[in-house]
PDB file of N, CA and C in Angstrom:
ATOM      1  N   MET A   1    -218.629  57.074 -20.218  1.00  0.00           N
ATOM      2  CA  MET A   1    -219.909  56.616 -19.767  1.00  0.00           C
ATOM      3  C   MET A   1    -220.568  55.883 -20.920  1.00  0.00           C
ATOM      4  N   ASP A   2    -221.248  54.797 -20.592  1.00  0.00           N
ATOM      5  CA  ASP A   2    -221.865  53.944 -21.592  1.00  0.00           C
ATOM      6  C   ASP A   2    -223.227  53.535 -21.075  1.00  0.00           C
ATOM      7  N   GLU A   3    -224.156  53.308 -21.982  1.00  0.00           N
ATOM      8  CA  GLU A   3    -225.489  52.867 -21.614  1.00  0.00           C
ATOM      9  C   GLU A   3    -225.880  51.702 -22.508  1.00  0.00           C
ATOM     10  N   VAL A   4    -226.452  50.657 -21.898  1.00  0.00           N
ATOM     11  CA  VAL A   4    -226.835  49.454 -22.625  1.00  0.00           C
ATOM     12  C   VAL A   4    -228.213  49.017 -22.149  1.00  0.00           C
ATOM     13  N   PHE A   5    -229.030  48.523 -23.059  1.00  0.00           N
ATOM     14  CA  PHE A   5    -230.321  47.946 -22.711  1.00  0.00           C
ATOM     15  C   PHE A   5    -230.105  46.471 -22.382  1.00  0.00           C
ATOM     16  N   VAL A   6    -230.648  46.005 -21.258  1.00  0.00           N
ATOM     17  CA  VAL A   6    -230.555  44.601 -20.871  1.00  0.00           C
ATOM     18  C   VAL A   6    -231.927  44.121 -20.413  1.00  0.00           C
ATOM     19  N   ARG A   7    -232.103  42.814 -20.421  1.00  0.00           N
ATOM     20  CA  ARG A   7    -233.334  42.227 -19.895  1.00  0.00           C
ATOM     21  C   ARG A   7    -233.013  41.531 -18.581  1.00  0.00           C
ATOM     22  N   VAL A   8    -233.767  41.884 -17.558  1.00  0.00           N
ATOM     23  CA  VAL A   8    -233.617  41.278 -16.233  1.00  0.00           C
ATOM     24  C   VAL A   8    -234.982  40.713 -15.865  1.00  0.00           C
ATOM     25  N   ASN A   9    -235.050  39.411 -15.692  1.00  0.00           N
ATOM     26  CA  ASN A   9    -236.314  38.727 -15.409  1.00  0.00           C
ATOM     27  C   ASN A   9    -237.395  39.084 -16.436  1.00  0.00           C
ATOM     28  N   GLY A  10    -237.000  39.204 -17.683  1.00  0.00           N
ATOM     29  CA  GLY A  10    -237.936  39.483 -18.757  1.00  0.00           C
ATOM     30  C   GLY A  10    -238.332  40.937 -18.904  1.00  0.00           C
ATOM     31  N   GLU A  11    -237.802  41.813 -18.058  1.00  0.00           N
ATOM     32  CA  GLU A  11    -238.142  43.237 -18.120  1.00  0.00           C
ATOM     33  C   GLU A  11    -236.951  44.036 -18.630  1.00  0.00           C
ATOM     34  N   ARG A  12    -237.223  45.053 -19.421  1.00  0.00           N
ATOM     35  CA  ARG A  12    -236.168  45.891 -19.986  1.00  0.00           C
ATOM     36  C   ARG A  12    -235.624  46.843 -18.922  1.00  0.00           C
ATOM     37  N   ARG A  13    -234.312  46.841 -18.776  1.00  0.00           N
ATOM     38  CA  ARG A  13    -233.623  47.720 -17.835  1.00  0.00           C
ATOM     39  C   ARG A  13    -232.502  48.440 -18.558  1.00  0.00           C
ATOM     40  N   TYR A  14    -231.998  49.482 -17.964  1.00  0.00           N
ATOM     41  CA  TYR A  14    -230.920  50.271 -18.531  1.00  0.00           C
ATOM     42  C   TYR A  14    -229.693  50.127 -17.650  1.00  0.00           C
ATOM     43  N   LEU A  15    -228.625  49.682 -18.246  1.00  0.00           N
ATOM     44  CA  LEU A  15    -227.359  49.468 -17.537  1.00  0.00           C
ATOM     45  C   LEU A  15    -226.432  50.622 -17.881  1.00  0.00           C
ATOM     46  N   TRP A  16    -226.083  51.413 -16.872  1.00  0.00           N
ATOM     47  CA  TRP A  16    -225.167  52.535 -17.043  1.00  0.00           C
ATOM     48  C   TRP A  16    -223.799  52.089 -16.554  1.00  0.00           C
ATOM     49  N   ARG A  17    -222.754  52.401 -17.323  1.00  0.00           N
ATOM     50  CA  ARG A  17    -221.409  52.006 -16.941  1.00  0.00           C
ATOM     51  C   ARG A  17    -220.442  53.172 -17.123  1.00  0.00           C
ATOM     52  N   ALA A  18    -219.526  53.272 -16.195  1.00  0.00           N
ATOM     53  CA  ALA A  18    -218.393  54.192 -16.350  1.00  0.00           C
ATOM     54  C   ALA A  18    -217.190  53.296 -16.612  1.00  0.00           C
ATOM     55  N   VAL A  19    -216.488  53.543 -17.717  1.00  0.00           N
ATOM     56  CA  VAL A  19    -215.342  52.714 -18.093  1.00  0.00           C
ATOM     57  C   VAL A  19    -214.090  53.576 -18.192  1.00  0.00           C
ATOM     58  N   ASP A  20    -212.939  52.958 -17.957  1.00  0.00           N
ATOM     59  CA  ASP A  20    -211.673  53.679 -18.073  1.00  0.00           C
ATOM     60  C   ASP A  20    -211.081  53.485 -19.467  1.00  0.00           C
ATOM     61  N   HIS A  21    -209.882  53.976 -19.672  1.00  0.00           N
ATOM     62  CA  HIS A  21    -209.247  53.915 -20.987  1.00  0.00           C
ATOM     63  C   HIS A  21    -208.892  52.497 -21.425  1.00  0.00           C
ATOM     64  N   GLU A  22    -208.898  51.538 -20.499  1.00  0.00           N
ATOM     65  CA  GLU A  22    -208.631  50.132 -20.824  1.00  0.00           C
ATOM     66  C   GLU A  22    -209.916  49.317 -20.916  1.00  0.00           C
ATOM     67  N   SER A  23    -211.050  49.999 -20.957  1.00  0.00           N
ATOM     68  CA  SER A  23    -212.388  49.388 -21.040  1.00  0.00           C
ATOM     69  C   SER A  23    -212.763  48.565 -19.812  1.00  0.00           C
ATOM     70  N   GLU A  24    -212.169  48.881 -18.675  1.00  0.00           N
ATOM     71  CA  GLU A  24    -212.541  48.243 -17.408  1.00  0.00           C
ATOM     72  C   GLU A  24    -213.707  49.011 -16.805  1.00  0.00           C
ATOM     73  N   ALA A  25    -214.709  48.301 -16.313  1.00  0.00           N
ATOM     74  CA  ALA A  25    -215.869  48.946 -15.698  1.00  0.00           C
ATOM     75  C   ALA A  25    -215.483  49.485 -14.328  1.00  0.00           C
ATOM     76  N   LEU A  26    -215.681  50.777 -14.135  1.00  0.00           N
ATOM     77  CA  LEU A  26    -215.379  51.413 -12.857  1.00  0.00           C
ATOM     78  C   LEU A  26    -216.601  51.468 -11.956  1.00  0.00           C
ATOM     79  N   GLU A  27    -217.736  51.724 -12.547  1.00  0.00           N
ATOM     80  CA  GLU A  27    -218.989  51.841 -11.803  1.00  0.00           C
ATOM     81  C   GLU A  27    -220.109  51.322 -12.677  1.00  0.00           C
ATOM     82  N   VAL A  28    -221.080  50.627 -12.082  1.00  0.00           N
ATOM     83  CA  VAL A  28    -222.214  50.062 -12.817  1.00  0.00           C
ATOM     84  C   VAL A  28    -223.486  50.386 -12.049  1.00  0.00           C
ATOM     85  N   HIS A  29    -224.536  50.748 -12.781  1.00  0.00           N
ATOM     86  CA  HIS A  29    -225.812  51.106 -12.156  1.00  0.00           C
ATOM     87  C   HIS A  29    -226.933  50.644 -13.086  1.00  0.00           C
ATOM     88  N   VAL A  30    -227.973  50.001 -12.549  1.00  0.00           N
ATOM     89  CA  VAL A  30    -229.116  49.529 -13.335  1.00  0.00           C
ATOM     90  C   VAL A  30    -230.355  50.315 -12.906  1.00  0.00           C
ATOM     91  N   THR A  31    -231.095  50.838 -13.892  1.00  0.00           N
ATOM     92  CA  THR A  31    -232.310  51.604 -13.596  1.00  0.00           C
ATOM     93  C   THR A  31    -233.477  51.112 -14.433  1.00  0.00           C
ATOM     94  N   LYS A  32    -234.680  51.420 -13.980  1.00  0.00           N
ATOM     95  CA  LYS A  32    -235.889  51.088 -14.741  1.00  0.00           C
ATOM     96  C   LYS A  32    -236.161  52.115 -15.816  1.00  0.00           C
ATOM     97  N   VAL A  33    -235.772  53.353 -15.560  1.00  0.00           N
ATOM     98  CA  VAL A  33    -236.073  54.444 -16.496  1.00  0.00           C
ATOM     99  C   VAL A  33    -234.799  54.977 -17.128  1.00  0.00           C
ATOM    100  N   ARG A  34    -234.970  55.573 -18.299  1.00  0.00           N
ATOM    101  CA  ARG A  34    -233.848  56.192 -18.993  1.00  0.00           C
ATOM    102  C   ARG A  34    -234.202  57.660 -19.174  1.00  0.00           C
ATOM    103  N   ASP A  35    -233.763  58.460 -18.226  1.00  0.00           N
ATOM    104  CA  ASP A  35    -234.028  59.881 -18.299  1.00  0.00           C
ATOM    105  C   ASP A  35    -232.873  60.665 -17.679  1.00  0.00           C
ATOM    106  N   ARG A  36    -233.005  61.962 -17.685  1.00  0.00           N
ATOM    107  CA  ARG A  36    -231.952  62.831 -17.173  1.00  0.00           C
ATOM    108  C   ARG A  36    -231.670  62.548 -15.700  1.00  0.00           C
ATOM    109  N   SER A  37    -232.698  62.337 -14.931  1.00  0.00           N
ATOM    110  CA  SER A  37    -232.542  62.085 -13.499  1.00  0.00           C
ATOM    111  C   SER A  37    -231.717  60.826 -13.242  1.00  0.00           C
ATOM    112  N   ALA A  38    -231.982  59.758 -13.976  1.00  0.00           N
ATOM    113  CA  ALA A  38    -231.228  58.515 -13.816  1.00  0.00           C
ATOM    114  C   ALA A  38    -229.769  58.709 -14.205  1.00  0.00           C
ATOM    115  N   ALA A  39    -229.535  59.442 -15.277  1.00  0.00           N
ATOM    116  CA  ALA A  39    -228.162  59.704 -15.723  1.00  0.00           C
ATOM    117  C   ALA A  39    -227.405  60.556 -14.697  1.00  0.00           C
ATOM    118  N   MET A  40    -228.051  61.570 -14.167  1.00  0.00           N
ATOM    119  CA  MET A  40    -227.402  62.438 -13.186  1.00  0.00           C
ATOM    120  C   MET A  40    -227.119  61.691 -11.889  1.00  0.00           C
ATOM    121  N   ASP A  41    -228.025  60.838 -11.457  1.00  0.00           N
ATOM    122  CA  ASP A  41    -227.793  60.029 -10.255  1.00  0.00           C
ATOM    123  C   ASP A  41    -226.563  59.149 -10.431  1.00  0.00           C
ATOM    124  N   PHE A  42    -226.470  58.513 -11.587  1.00  0.00           N
ATOM    125  CA  PHE A  42    -225.324  57.651 -11.853  1.00  0.00           C
ATOM    126  C   PHE A  42    -224.034  58.460 -11.891  1.00  0.00           C
ATOM    127  N   LEU A  43    -224.057  59.582 -12.583  1.00  0.00           N
ATOM    128  CA  LEU A  43    -222.859  60.410 -12.712  1.00  0.00           C
ATOM    129  C   LEU A  43    -222.398  60.940 -11.355  1.00  0.00           C
ATOM    130  N   LYS A  44    -223.322  61.395 -10.536  1.00  0.00           N
ATOM    131  CA  LYS A  44    -222.975  61.887  -9.194  1.00  0.00           C
ATOM    132  C   LYS A  44    -222.369  60.775  -8.348  1.00  0.00           C
ATOM    133  N   ARG A  45    -222.959  59.588  -8.430  1.00  0.00           N
ATOM    134  CA  ARG A  45    -222.455  58.459  -7.640  1.00  0.00           C
ATOM    135  C   ARG A  45    -221.053  58.062  -8.078  1.00  0.00           C
ATOM    136  N   ALA A  46    -220.834  58.033  -9.388  1.00  0.00           N
ATOM    137  CA  ALA A  46    -219.512  57.670  -9.905  1.00  0.00           C
ATOM    138  C   ALA A  46    -218.470  58.716  -9.529  1.00  0.00           C
ATOM    139  N   LEU A  47    -218.794  59.993  -9.673  1.00  0.00           N
ATOM    140  CA  LEU A  47    -217.864  61.060  -9.325  1.00  0.00           C
ATOM    141  C   LEU A  47    -217.552  61.075  -7.833  1.00  0.00           C
ATOM    142  N   LYS A  48    -218.556  60.852  -7.024  1.00  0.00           N
ATOM    143  CA  LYS A  48    -218.352  60.824  -5.581  1.00  0.00           C
ATOM    144  C   LYS A  48    -217.388  59.712  -5.188  1.00  0.00           C
ATOM    145  N   ARG A  49    -217.523  58.577  -5.824  1.00  0.00           N
ATOM    146  CA  ARG A  49    -216.676  57.432  -5.511  1.00  0.00           C
ATOM    147  C   ARG A  49    -215.222  57.641  -5.955  1.00  0.00           C
ATOM    148  N   PHE A  50    -215.021  58.206  -7.139  1.00  0.00           N
ATOM    149  CA  PHE A  50    -213.679  58.286  -7.697  1.00  0.00           C
ATOM    150  C   PHE A  50    -212.977  59.618  -7.483  1.00  0.00           C
ATOM    151  N   CYS A  51    -213.705  60.661  -7.154  1.00  0.00           N
ATOM    152  CA  CYS A  51    -213.054  61.962  -6.922  1.00  0.00           C
ATOM    153  C   CYS A  51    -212.719  62.174  -5.463  1.00  0.00           C
ATOM    154  N   SER A  52    -213.191  61.319  -4.583  1.00  0.00           N
ATOM    155  CA  SER A  52    -212.896  61.470  -3.158  1.00  0.00           C
ATOM    156  C   SER A  52    -211.602  60.769  -2.755  1.00  0.00           C
ATOM    157  N   ARG A  53    -210.915  60.154  -3.692  1.00  0.00           N
ATOM    158  CA  ARG A  53    -209.686  59.428  -3.380  1.00  0.00           C
ATOM    159  C   ARG A  53    -208.534  60.331  -3.173  1.00  0.00           C
TER     160      ARG A  53
END
């Protein structure tokens, strides 16, 4: 899991990424806030997508 600060339309946003061992992005999520709730939402979404296979 990786987190990066980006600017979207001049506003600061947080880009959350799940990457594999080859540095390929598996899941990407952009949020306005950087807190536990945003991180947990991203993690749940990524796990739901990749663990249901």
